[in-house]
Structure formats: structure tokens, C-alpha cells
Amino acid sequence: MKKIICAFFCLLFVTLAYASSQYLEETLQLINDDKNDEAIEIIKLNLIENKSADNYVLMGIAYLEKNDPKNAEENFKKALELDRKTVSAHYMLAMLYEKEKRYEQSMVKWEKIYKYTKNKKLKNLALKHLKQLKGIMTQ
């Protein structure tokens, strides 16, 4: 899961531009240091003032790092309830669903990523995953 998280942090930095850099750096450092419970508490405090999709994505990442995919998924879905075009939430769900072999659900998320992102590399990644998943599902 670390590989997924590392790749995702680049995307996260772009999508969390609104957040104070100190908050973001502190939270990501805690997650990186496996202090996920502390990170979750900070995010919960931030959510009191700012119920944003990006904060829920960050919470989901902390839960993934805690090896709690159920709560991670719940937070990614909360992010999408607030903003259905949150590419980072679709991305994390796509990867989570792939890992759990929930291929149809993963394909839906990769299609959303392709639809909503303006990033060419992410569009290409979505197409790559869709092609691989179609191959798996036709076997």
C-alpha cells in the first residue's frame, strides 16, 4: 500500500492547495511516520472547521495506512458525497478496489478518473488500468 500512497502524494499536494501547508505537512509526516492515530485526530479537528472532500481523502489515507480499508473506503465515499468530481477519492477507491479484487467497482472509478481529470498522465494511467481490468474480467 505504501507504493500507492507515495504515488498519490504528488496528486494530493495539488488537490490540497487550499490547506495550510503546515497542516498538510504535519499530517503527511505523521502518516509517513506511522503515527496514523495522531494524524486522524488532527484531521478530525480540521474537519470540524472544514468539511471538505480533500480532508476526507486525507482521513482515508490515514486509515489505509492503519490497515483499515473499511474506514478508508467510508472516508473516500464521504469525499465524493461532498464533491463527486474529487479525482483523488476516485483514485484511492480504484486502487483499493483493485487490491480487494473488486474489479467492476475499480473500473467504474478509473472511468470517473478519466472523465474528471485534466492531467494527461493520470488519463493514460486510467486507460492502462481499464485495459488491464478488462483483460482480467474476460478471462
C-alpha atoms as a PDB file:
ATOM      1  CA  MET A   1       0.000   0.000   0.000  1.00  0.00           C
ATOM      2  CA  LYS A   2       2.988   2.324   0.576  1.00  0.00           C
ATOM      3  CA  LYS A   3       3.619   2.418  -3.185  1.00  0.00           C
ATOM      4  CA  ILE A   4       0.050   3.558  -3.786  1.00  0.00           C
ATOM      5  CA  ILE A   5       0.338   6.212  -1.111  1.00  0.00           C
ATOM      6  CA  CYS A   6       3.677   7.533  -2.363  1.00  0.00           C
ATOM      7  CA  ALA A   7       2.385   7.850  -5.911  1.00  0.00           C
ATOM      8  CA  PHE A   8      -0.729   9.511  -4.639  1.00  0.00           C
ATOM      9  CA  PHE A   9       1.009  12.165  -2.525  1.00  0.00           C
ATOM     10  CA  CYS A  10       2.028  14.070  -5.660  1.00  0.00           C
ATOM     11  CA  LEU A  11      -1.608  14.234  -6.695  1.00  0.00           C
ATOM     12  CA  LEU A  12      -2.647  15.109  -3.162  1.00  0.00           C
ATOM     13  CA  PHE A  13      -0.320  18.108  -2.955  1.00  0.00           C
ATOM     14  CA  VAL A  14      -2.030  19.584  -5.994  1.00  0.00           C
ATOM     15  CA  THR A  15      -5.571  18.934  -4.791  1.00  0.00           C
ATOM     16  CA  LEU A  16      -4.970  20.181  -1.257  1.00  0.00           C
ATOM     17  CA  ALA A  17      -3.677  23.567  -2.339  1.00  0.00           C
ATOM     18  CA  TYR A  18      -6.278  25.291  -0.160  1.00  0.00           C
ATOM     19  CA  ALA A  19      -4.968  23.707   3.028  1.00  0.00           C
ATOM     20  CA  SER A  20      -2.363  25.419   5.115  1.00  0.00           C
ATOM     21  CA  SER A  21       0.995  23.978   4.250  1.00  0.00           C
ATOM     22  CA  GLN A  22       1.777  23.478   7.944  1.00  0.00           C
ATOM     23  CA  TYR A  23      -1.382  21.378   8.460  1.00  0.00           C
ATOM     24  CA  LEU A  24      -0.693  19.343   5.347  1.00  0.00           C
ATOM     25  CA  GLU A  25       2.985  18.798   6.087  1.00  0.00           C
ATOM     26  CA  GLU A  26       2.323  17.867   9.712  1.00  0.00           C
ATOM     27  CA  THR A  27      -0.415  15.409   8.829  1.00  0.00           C
ATOM     28  CA  LEU A  28       1.502  13.754   5.995  1.00  0.00           C
ATOM     29  CA  GLN A  29       4.602  13.491   8.180  1.00  0.00           C
ATOM     30  CA  LEU A  30       2.587  11.753  10.896  1.00  0.00           C
ATOM     31  CA  ILE A  31       1.188   9.305   8.336  1.00  0.00           C
ATOM     32  CA  ASN A  32       4.681   8.734   6.941  1.00  0.00           C
ATOM     33  CA  ASP A  33       5.961   8.070  10.479  1.00  0.00           C
ATOM     34  CA  ASP A  34       3.184   5.516  11.059  1.00  0.00           C
ATOM     35  CA  LYS A  35       1.562   7.800  13.638  1.00  0.00           C
ATOM     36  CA  ASN A  36      -1.786   7.332  11.996  1.00  0.00           C
ATOM     37  CA  ASP A  37      -3.895   7.752  15.129  1.00  0.00           C
ATOM     38  CA  GLU A  38      -2.330  11.171  15.727  1.00  0.00           C
ATOM     39  CA  ALA A  39      -2.899  12.112  12.091  1.00  0.00           C
ATOM     40  CA  ILE A  40      -6.533  11.037  12.335  1.00  0.00           C
ATOM     41  CA  GLU A  41      -7.058  13.227  15.411  1.00  0.00           C
ATOM     42  CA  ILE A  42      -5.590  16.253  13.628  1.00  0.00           C
ATOM     43  CA  ILE A  43      -7.761  15.623  10.579  1.00  0.00           C
ATOM     44  CA  LYS A  44     -10.862  15.228  12.788  1.00  0.00           C
ATOM     45  CA  LEU A  45     -10.146  18.612  14.359  1.00  0.00           C
ATOM     46  CA  ASN A  46      -9.684  20.142  10.933  1.00  0.00           C
ATOM     47  CA  LEU A  47     -12.945  18.581   9.736  1.00  0.00           C
ATOM     48  CA  ILE A  48     -14.844  20.472  12.454  1.00  0.00           C
ATOM     49  CA  GLU A  49     -13.984  23.720  10.680  1.00  0.00           C
ATOM     50  CA  ASN A  50     -13.567  22.464   7.134  1.00  0.00           C
ATOM     51  CA  LYS A  51     -15.725  19.556   5.983  1.00  0.00           C
ATOM     52  CA  SER A  52     -14.000  19.334   2.638  1.00  0.00           C
ATOM     53  CA  ALA A  53     -13.627  16.423   0.268  1.00  0.00           C
ATOM     54  CA  ASP A  54      -9.857  16.747   0.493  1.00  0.00           C
ATOM     55  CA  ASN A  55      -9.885  16.364   4.272  1.00  0.00           C
ATOM     56  CA  TYR A  56     -11.912  13.175   3.930  1.00  0.00           C
ATOM     57  CA  VAL A  57      -9.422  11.877   1.357  1.00  0.00           C
ATOM     58  CA  LEU A  58      -6.597  12.588   3.776  1.00  0.00           C
ATOM     59  CA  MET A  59      -8.528  10.773   6.519  1.00  0.00           C
ATOM     60  CA  GLY A  60      -8.995   7.808   4.198  1.00  0.00           C
ATOM     61  CA  ILE A  61      -5.265   7.662   3.541  1.00  0.00           C
ATOM     62  CA  ALA A  62      -4.564   7.620   7.275  1.00  0.00           C
ATOM     63  CA  TYR A  63      -6.998   4.721   7.676  1.00  0.00           C
ATOM     64  CA  LEU A  64      -5.388   2.848   4.783  1.00  0.00           C
ATOM     65  CA  GLU A  65      -2.034   3.207   6.463  1.00  0.00           C
ATOM     66  CA  LYS A  66      -3.639   1.849   9.647  1.00  0.00           C
ATOM     67  CA  ASN A  67      -4.644  -1.177   7.576  1.00  0.00           C
ATOM     68  CA  ASP A  68      -8.319  -0.302   7.998  1.00  0.00           C
ATOM     69  CA  PRO A  69      -9.731  -0.425   4.452  1.00  0.00           C
ATOM     70  CA  LYS A  70     -13.345  -0.275   5.618  1.00  0.00           C
ATOM     71  CA  ASN A  71     -12.934   3.133   7.284  1.00  0.00           C
ATOM     72  CA  ALA A  72     -10.711   4.279   4.441  1.00  0.00           C
ATOM     73  CA  GLU A  73     -13.410   3.442   1.901  1.00  0.00           C
ATOM     74  CA  GLU A  74     -16.032   5.173   4.025  1.00  0.00           C
ATOM     75  CA  ASN A  75     -13.999   8.383   4.101  1.00  0.00           C
ATOM     76  CA  PHE A  76     -13.268   8.318   0.372  1.00  0.00           C
ATOM     77  CA  LYS A  77     -17.013   7.932  -0.230  1.00  0.00           C
ATOM     78  CA  LYS A  78     -17.717  10.885   2.097  1.00  0.00           C
ATOM     79  CA  ALA A  79     -15.340  12.925  -0.020  1.00  0.00           C
ATOM     80  CA  LEU A  80     -17.352  12.011  -3.110  1.00  0.00           C
ATOM     81  CA  GLU A  81     -20.609  12.920  -1.375  1.00  0.00           C
ATOM     82  CA  LEU A  82     -19.207  16.422  -0.953  1.00  0.00           C
ATOM     83  CA  ASP A  83     -17.736  16.624  -4.448  1.00  0.00           C
ATOM     84  CA  ARG A  84     -18.391  13.844  -6.932  1.00  0.00           C
ATOM     85  CA  LYS A  85     -15.505  15.069  -9.099  1.00  0.00           C
ATOM     86  CA  THR A  86     -12.802  14.591  -6.456  1.00  0.00           C
ATOM     87  CA  VAL A  87     -10.278  12.719  -8.567  1.00  0.00           C
ATOM     88  CA  SER A  88      -8.122  11.822  -5.568  1.00  0.00           C
ATOM     89  CA  ALA A  89     -11.036   9.989  -3.900  1.00  0.00           C
ATOM     90  CA  HIS A  90     -11.839   8.105  -7.106  1.00  0.00           C
ATOM     91  CA  TYR A  91      -8.160   7.211  -7.440  1.00  0.00           C
ATOM     92  CA  MET A  92      -7.845   5.858  -3.924  1.00  0.00           C
ATOM     93  CA  LEU A  93     -11.055   3.853  -4.284  1.00  0.00           C
ATOM     94  CA  ALA A  94      -9.929   2.492  -7.659  1.00  0.00           C
ATOM     95  CA  MET A  95      -6.688   1.258  -6.127  1.00  0.00           C
ATOM     96  CA  LEU A  96      -8.421  -0.103  -3.037  1.00  0.00           C
ATOM     97  CA  TYR A  97     -10.983  -1.981  -5.131  1.00  0.00           C
ATOM     98  CA  GLU A  98      -8.251  -3.428  -7.344  1.00  0.00           C
ATOM     99  CA  LYS A  99      -6.345  -4.654  -4.318  1.00  0.00           C
ATOM    100  CA  GLU A 100      -9.521  -6.284  -2.990  1.00  0.00           C
ATOM    101  CA  LYS A 101     -10.243  -7.807  -6.429  1.00  0.00           C
ATOM    102  CA  ARG A 102     -13.451  -5.798  -6.761  1.00  0.00           C
ATOM    103  CA  TYR A 103     -12.694  -5.252 -10.415  1.00  0.00           C
ATOM    104  CA  GLU A 104     -16.042  -3.933 -11.634  1.00  0.00           C
ATOM    105  CA  GLN A 105     -16.074  -1.257  -8.946  1.00  0.00           C
ATOM    106  CA  SER A 106     -12.477  -0.390  -9.745  1.00  0.00           C
ATOM    107  CA  MET A 107     -13.317   0.031 -13.427  1.00  0.00           C
ATOM    108  CA  VAL A 108     -16.110   2.456 -12.573  1.00  0.00           C
ATOM    109  CA  LYS A 109     -13.639   4.560 -10.576  1.00  0.00           C
ATOM    110  CA  TRP A 110     -10.992   4.514 -13.311  1.00  0.00           C
ATOM    111  CA  GLU A 111     -13.665   5.668 -15.774  1.00  0.00           C
ATOM    112  CA  LYS A 112     -14.523   8.563 -13.421  1.00  0.00           C
ATOM    113  CA  ILE A 113     -10.845   9.464 -13.120  1.00  0.00           C
ATOM    114  CA  TYR A 114     -10.540   9.527 -16.908  1.00  0.00           C
ATOM    115  CA  LYS A 115     -13.659  11.678 -17.147  1.00  0.00           C
ATOM    116  CA  TYR A 116     -12.800  14.213 -14.439  1.00  0.00           C
ATOM    117  CA  THR A 117      -9.022  14.656 -14.579  1.00  0.00           C
ATOM    118  CA  LYS A 118      -7.286  17.145 -16.817  1.00  0.00           C
ATOM    119  CA  ASN A 119      -3.904  15.547 -16.148  1.00  0.00           C
ATOM    120  CA  LYS A 120      -2.702  13.642 -19.235  1.00  0.00           C
ATOM    121  CA  LYS A 121      -0.540  11.236 -17.235  1.00  0.00           C
ATOM    122  CA  LEU A 122      -3.462  10.351 -14.995  1.00  0.00           C
ATOM    123  CA  LYS A 123      -5.725   9.884 -18.023  1.00  0.00           C
ATOM    124  CA  ASN A 124      -3.141   7.496 -19.505  1.00  0.00           C
ATOM    125  CA  LEU A 125      -2.870   5.646 -16.198  1.00  0.00           C
ATOM    126  CA  ALA A 126      -6.658   5.297 -16.091  1.00  0.00           C
ATOM    127  CA  LEU A 127      -6.690   3.863 -19.622  1.00  0.00           C
ATOM    128  CA  LYS A 128      -3.915   1.429 -18.696  1.00  0.00           C
ATOM    129  CA  HIS A 129      -5.821   0.185 -15.648  1.00  0.00           C
ATOM    130  CA  LEU A 130      -9.078  -0.086 -17.590  1.00  0.00           C
ATOM    131  CA  LYS A 131      -7.360  -2.187 -20.256  1.00  0.00           C
ATOM    132  CA  GLN A 132      -5.775  -4.471 -17.641  1.00  0.00           C
ATOM    133  CA  LEU A 133      -9.040  -4.859 -15.734  1.00  0.00           C
ATOM    134  CA  LYS A 134     -10.992  -5.689 -18.893  1.00  0.00           C
ATOM    135  CA  GLY A 135      -8.409  -8.381 -19.602  1.00  0.00           C
ATOM    136  CA  ILE A 136      -8.773  -9.821 -16.116  1.00  0.00           C
ATOM    137  CA  MET A 137     -12.554  -9.811 -16.291  1.00  0.00           C
ATOM    138  CA  THR A 138     -12.684 -11.577 -19.675  1.00  0.00           C
ATOM    139  CA  GLN A 139     -10.525 -14.471 -18.512  1.00  0.00           C
END
